[in-house]
Amino acid sequence: MSRDTGSTPARTLVRSGSAGVSAAAERLAFWTAVAFPAVYVGIAALRSWIPAFGAVVVALLAVNAAALLVGHSHKIDRREPADRDG
């Protein structure tokens, strides 16, 4: 007995939904990685008030590296807003 592996509307919806979530996560990670160096400046300014400064910097570098890995393939759409629909 063979199973039908065709695309049903539910499967198509799940695939398009997961692609949208994936693209949103990629976009968020990309812009987080871009903006994150500004956090380093703020943390450096507060250095004397942060007891475990070294651990904080290492943790922030790890978060920034993860954001770079997740968001590295994000492509910025430079088309005009009216052109995005089709």
C-alpha atoms as a PDB file:
ATOM      1  CA  MET A   1       0.000   0.000   0.000  1.00  0.00           C
ATOM      2  CA  SER A   2       1.517   3.305  -0.992  1.00  0.00           C
ATOM      3  CA  ARG A   3       1.051   6.614   0.767  1.00  0.00           C
ATOM      4  CA  ASP A   4       0.103   9.716  -1.116  1.00  0.00           C
ATOM      5  CA  THR A   5       2.981  12.165  -0.659  1.00  0.00           C
ATOM      6  CA  GLY A   6       1.363  14.876  -2.729  1.00  0.00           C
ATOM      7  CA  SER A   7       1.030  18.423  -1.549  1.00  0.00           C
ATOM      8  CA  THR A   8      -2.195  19.113   0.294  1.00  0.00           C
ATOM      9  CA  PRO A   9      -3.374  22.602   1.191  1.00  0.00           C
ATOM     10  CA  ALA A  10      -2.485  21.966   4.842  1.00  0.00           C
ATOM     11  CA  ARG A  11       1.052  20.896   3.969  1.00  0.00           C
ATOM     12  CA  THR A  12       1.483  23.877   1.678  1.00  0.00           C
ATOM     13  CA  LEU A  13       0.306  26.199   4.447  1.00  0.00           C
ATOM     14  CA  VAL A  14       2.716  24.638   6.959  1.00  0.00           C
ATOM     15  CA  ARG A  15       5.622  24.904   4.533  1.00  0.00           C
ATOM     16  CA  SER A  16       4.890  28.530   3.673  1.00  0.00           C
ATOM     17  CA  GLY A  17       4.354  29.356   7.355  1.00  0.00           C
ATOM     18  CA  SER A  18       7.640  27.786   8.394  1.00  0.00           C
ATOM     19  CA  ALA A  19       9.403  29.585   5.548  1.00  0.00           C
ATOM     20  CA  GLY A  20       7.955  32.869   6.791  1.00  0.00           C
ATOM     21  CA  VAL A  21       9.072  32.179  10.355  1.00  0.00           C
ATOM     22  CA  SER A  22      12.510  31.191   9.103  1.00  0.00           C
ATOM     23  CA  ALA A  23      12.819  34.375   7.030  1.00  0.00           C
ATOM     24  CA  ALA A  24      11.691  36.500   9.977  1.00  0.00           C
ATOM     25  CA  ALA A  25      14.238  34.840  12.287  1.00  0.00           C
ATOM     26  CA  GLU A  26      16.941  35.344   9.675  1.00  0.00           C
ATOM     27  CA  ARG A  27      16.008  39.022   9.279  1.00  0.00           C
ATOM     28  CA  LEU A  28      15.964  39.581  13.045  1.00  0.00           C
ATOM     29  CA  ALA A  29      19.314  37.836  13.487  1.00  0.00           C
ATOM     30  CA  PHE A  30      20.881  39.852  10.661  1.00  0.00           C
ATOM     31  CA  TRP A  31      19.829  43.214  12.063  1.00  0.00           C
ATOM     32  CA  THR A  32      20.755  42.118  15.595  1.00  0.00           C
ATOM     33  CA  ALA A  33      24.259  41.302  14.362  1.00  0.00           C
ATOM     34  CA  VAL A  34      24.455  44.663  12.580  1.00  0.00           C
ATOM     35  CA  ALA A  35      23.320  46.694  15.600  1.00  0.00           C
ATOM     36  CA  PHE A  36      25.097  44.678  18.274  1.00  0.00           C
ATOM     37  CA  PRO A  37      28.445  46.539  18.139  1.00  0.00           C
ATOM     38  CA  ALA A  38      26.641  49.576  19.566  1.00  0.00           C
ATOM     39  CA  VAL A  39      25.923  47.458  22.653  1.00  0.00           C
ATOM     40  CA  TYR A  40      29.660  46.941  23.089  1.00  0.00           C
ATOM     41  CA  VAL A  41      30.161  50.693  23.312  1.00  0.00           C
ATOM     42  CA  GLY A  42      27.505  50.965  26.010  1.00  0.00           C
ATOM     43  CA  ILE A  43      28.934  48.035  27.936  1.00  0.00           C
ATOM     44  CA  ALA A  44      32.439  49.513  27.736  1.00  0.00           C
ATOM     45  CA  ALA A  45      31.125  52.778  29.158  1.00  0.00           C
ATOM     46  CA  LEU A  46      29.647  50.856  32.112  1.00  0.00           C
ATOM     47  CA  ARG A  47      32.753  48.739  32.643  1.00  0.00           C
ATOM     48  CA  SER A  48      33.446  49.956  36.177  1.00  0.00           C
ATOM     49  CA  TRP A  49      29.884  49.077  37.305  1.00  0.00           C
ATOM     50  CA  ILE A  50      29.832  45.562  35.869  1.00  0.00           C
ATOM     51  CA  PRO A  51      31.421  43.094  38.326  1.00  0.00           C
ATOM     52  CA  ALA A  52      31.954  40.239  35.822  1.00  0.00           C
ATOM     53  CA  PHE A  53      32.874  42.412  32.843  1.00  0.00           C
ATOM     54  CA  GLY A  54      34.911  39.696  31.091  1.00  0.00           C
ATOM     55  CA  ALA A  55      32.100  37.147  31.321  1.00  0.00           C
ATOM     56  CA  VAL A  56      29.591  39.695  30.012  1.00  0.00           C
ATOM     57  CA  VAL A  57      31.808  40.506  27.023  1.00  0.00           C
ATOM     58  CA  VAL A  58      32.305  36.810  26.224  1.00  0.00           C
ATOM     59  CA  ALA A  59      28.549  36.197  26.457  1.00  0.00           C
ATOM     60  CA  LEU A  60      27.821  39.176  24.186  1.00  0.00           C
ATOM     61  CA  LEU A  61      30.387  37.953  21.660  1.00  0.00           C
ATOM     62  CA  ALA A  62      28.723  34.528  21.683  1.00  0.00           C
ATOM     63  CA  VAL A  63      25.290  36.082  21.084  1.00  0.00           C
ATOM     64  CA  ASN A  64      26.695  38.236  18.282  1.00  0.00           C
ATOM     65  CA  ALA A  65      28.379  35.201  16.679  1.00  0.00           C
ATOM     66  CA  ALA A  66      25.104  33.248  16.843  1.00  0.00           C
ATOM     67  CA  ALA A  67      23.244  36.163  15.257  1.00  0.00           C
ATOM     68  CA  LEU A  68      25.853  36.317  12.493  1.00  0.00           C
ATOM     69  CA  LEU A  69      25.495  32.590  11.813  1.00  0.00           C
ATOM     70  CA  VAL A  70      21.695  32.671  11.704  1.00  0.00           C
ATOM     71  CA  GLY A  71      21.403  35.921   9.740  1.00  0.00           C
ATOM     72  CA  HIS A  72      24.293  35.568   7.305  1.00  0.00           C
ATOM     73  CA  SER A  73      22.131  34.666   4.301  1.00  0.00           C
ATOM     74  CA  HIS A  74      19.562  37.448   4.773  1.00  0.00           C
ATOM     75  CA  LYS A  75      19.230  39.547   1.646  1.00  0.00           C
ATOM     76  CA  ILE A  76      18.086  43.142   1.869  1.00  0.00           C
ATOM     77  CA  ASP A  77      15.304  43.858  -0.617  1.00  0.00           C
ATOM     78  CA  ARG A  78      16.121  47.207  -2.228  1.00  0.00           C
ATOM     79  CA  ARG A  79      13.107  47.332  -4.533  1.00  0.00           C
ATOM     80  CA  GLU A  80      10.529  50.045  -4.142  1.00  0.00           C
ATOM     81  CA  PRO A  81       7.628  49.135  -1.788  1.00  0.00           C
ATOM     82  CA  ALA A  82       5.150  49.191  -4.696  1.00  0.00           C
ATOM     83  CA  ASP A  83       7.273  46.629  -6.611  1.00  0.00           C
ATOM     84  CA  ARG A  84       7.335  44.067  -3.772  1.00  0.00           C
ATOM     85  CA  ASP A  85       3.845  42.760  -4.454  1.00  0.00           C
ATOM     86  CA  GLY A  86       4.651  41.405  -7.809  1.00  0.00           C
END
